[in-house]
C-alpha atoms as a PDB file:
ATOM      1  CA  MET A   1     200.878  81.040 165.067  1.00  0.00           C
ATOM      2  CA  CYS A   2     198.511  78.661 163.329  1.00  0.00           C
ATOM      3  CA  THR A   3     195.132  77.991 164.909  1.00  0.00           C
ATOM      4  CA  PHE A   4     192.669  75.151 164.285  1.00  0.00           C
ATOM      5  CA  LYS A   5     189.176  76.710 164.403  1.00  0.00           C
ATOM      6  CA  SER A   6     187.343  73.439 163.701  1.00  0.00           C
ATOM      7  CA  GLU A   7     188.007  70.058 162.150  1.00  0.00           C
ATOM      8  CA  ARG A   8     187.701  71.607 158.687  1.00  0.00           C
ATOM      9  CA  GLN A   9     189.096  75.127 159.250  1.00  0.00           C
ATOM     10  CA  VAL A  10     192.535  76.315 160.241  1.00  0.00           C
ATOM     11  CA  MET A  11     194.033  79.818 160.282  1.00  0.00           C
ATOM     12  CA  VAL A  12     197.511  79.396 158.914  1.00  0.00           C
ATOM     13  CA  CYS A  13     200.345  81.841 159.530  1.00  0.00           C
ATOM     14  CA  ASP A  14     202.346  83.264 156.606  1.00  0.00           C
ATOM     15  CA  ILE A  15     205.406  81.162 157.418  1.00  0.00           C
ATOM     16  CA  ALA A  16     203.542  77.875 156.962  1.00  0.00           C
ATOM     17  CA  ILE A  17     201.044  78.700 154.208  1.00  0.00           C
ATOM     18  CA  GLY A  18     203.357  77.527 151.350  1.00  0.00           C
ATOM     19  CA  LYS A  19     203.855  74.133 152.923  1.00  0.00           C
ATOM     20  CA  VAL A  20     200.156  73.809 153.809  1.00  0.00           C
ATOM     21  CA  ARG A  21     199.093  74.774 150.289  1.00  0.00           C
ATOM     22  CA  ALA A  22     201.519  72.283 148.692  1.00  0.00           C
ATOM     23  CA  ALA A  23     200.464  69.458 151.053  1.00  0.00           C
ATOM     24  CA  THR A  24     196.727  69.993 150.653  1.00  0.00           C
ATOM     25  CA  GLU A  25     196.905  70.362 146.866  1.00  0.00           C
ATOM     26  CA  SER A  26     198.961  67.172 146.675  1.00  0.00           C
ATOM     27  CA  ALA A  27     196.426  65.279 148.784  1.00  0.00           C
ATOM     28  CA  PHE A  28     193.152  66.887 147.703  1.00  0.00           C
ATOM     29  CA  GLY A  29     193.794  68.729 144.436  1.00  0.00           C
ATOM     30  CA  HIS A  30     192.177  72.142 144.400  1.00  0.00           C
ATOM     31  CA  GLU A  31     189.215  71.277 146.631  1.00  0.00           C
ATOM     32  CA  VAL A  32     190.563  73.112 149.675  1.00  0.00           C
ATOM     33  CA  CYS A  33     189.695  76.811 149.904  1.00  0.00           C
ATOM     34  CA  PHE A  34     192.271  79.491 150.869  1.00  0.00           C
ATOM     35  CA  THR A  35     191.071  82.920 152.041  1.00  0.00           C
ATOM     36  CA  VAL A  36     193.537  85.636 153.039  1.00  0.00           C
ATOM     37  CA  VAL A  37     192.393  87.400 156.252  1.00  0.00           C
ATOM     38  CA  ASP A  38     194.236  90.693 156.712  1.00  0.00           C
ATOM     39  CA  GLY A  39     196.330  90.711 159.901  1.00  0.00           C
ATOM     40  CA  GLU A  40     195.558  87.073 160.727  1.00  0.00           C
ATOM     41  CA  GLY A  41     196.947  84.835 158.019  1.00  0.00           C
ATOM     42  CA  THR A  42     195.109  82.553 155.594  1.00  0.00           C
ATOM     43  CA  LEU A  43     191.949  80.630 156.434  1.00  0.00           C
ATOM     44  CA  VAL A  44     192.208  77.135 155.035  1.00  0.00           C
ATOM     45  CA  GLU A  45     188.903  75.287 154.701  1.00  0.00           C
ATOM     46  CA  ALA A  46     188.094  71.727 153.650  1.00  0.00           C
ATOM     47  CA  PRO A  47     184.720  70.928 152.121  1.00  0.00           C
ATOM     48  CA  ALA A  48     182.536  68.195 153.636  1.00  0.00           C
ATOM     49  CA  GLU A  49     183.644  65.672 151.004  1.00  0.00           C
ATOM     50  CA  ILE A  50     187.136  65.592 152.448  1.00  0.00           C
ATOM     51  CA  ASP A  51     187.851  63.398 155.458  1.00  0.00           C
ATOM     52  CA  ALA A  52     188.278  65.814 158.362  1.00  0.00           C
ATOM     53  CA  ALA A  53     190.811  63.684 160.251  1.00  0.00           C
ATOM     54  CA  ARG A  54     192.992  63.319 157.174  1.00  0.00           C
ATOM     55  CA  PHE A  55     192.765  67.079 156.486  1.00  0.00           C
ATOM     56  CA  GLU A  56     193.807  67.895 160.054  1.00  0.00           C
ATOM     57  CA  ALA A  57     196.710  65.463 159.923  1.00  0.00           C
ATOM     58  CA  ILE A  58     198.037  66.806 156.604  1.00  0.00           C
ATOM     59  CA  VAL A  59     197.732  70.428 157.694  1.00  0.00           C
ATOM     60  CA  PHE A  60     199.329  69.708 161.084  1.00  0.00           C
ATOM     61  CA  ASP A  61     202.235  67.883 159.441  1.00  0.00           C
ATOM     62  CA  ALA A  62     202.800  70.707 156.954  1.00  0.00           C
ATOM     63  CA  ILE A  63     202.813  73.318 159.760  1.00  0.00           C
ATOM     64  CA  THR A  64     205.301  71.186 161.721  1.00  0.00           C
ATOM     65  CA  VAL A  65     207.660  70.948 158.755  1.00  0.00           C
ATOM     66  CA  ALA A  66     207.378  74.668 158.093  1.00  0.00           C
ATOM     67  CA  ASN A  67     208.154  75.507 161.686  1.00  0.00           C
ATOM     68  CA  ALA A  68     211.162  73.149 161.679  1.00  0.00           C
ATOM     69  CA  SER A  69     212.628  74.480 158.449  1.00  0.00           C
ATOM     70  CA  PRO A  70     215.801  76.602 158.989  1.00  0.00           C
ATOM     71  CA  ALA A  71     214.684  78.896 156.165  1.00  0.00           C
ATOM     72  CA  THR A  72     211.646  79.996 158.121  1.00  0.00           C
ATOM     73  CA  HIS A  73     213.818  81.220 161.007  1.00  0.00           C
ATOM     74  CA  GLN A  74     216.315  83.344 159.067  1.00  0.00           C
ATOM     75  CA  ALA A  75     214.573  86.620 160.016  1.00  0.00           C
ATOM     76  CA  GLU A  76     214.729  85.817 163.754  1.00  0.00           C
END
């Protein structure tokens, strides 16, 4: 499960991290920070220079795509 902690921070599950990384790098370059948190996923953080609403929308859309992808459900 992915959890928004604030408008600039989201804990992303392993299933969605690839899509989130690709989407944020496409939109913002390498300005978004990714920190692996053992047992929780990856904390994705946007700096103050990035529009928070745009960051949230891009991350939410990437998570939605990852969750809808048949490849992410093969292990189920």
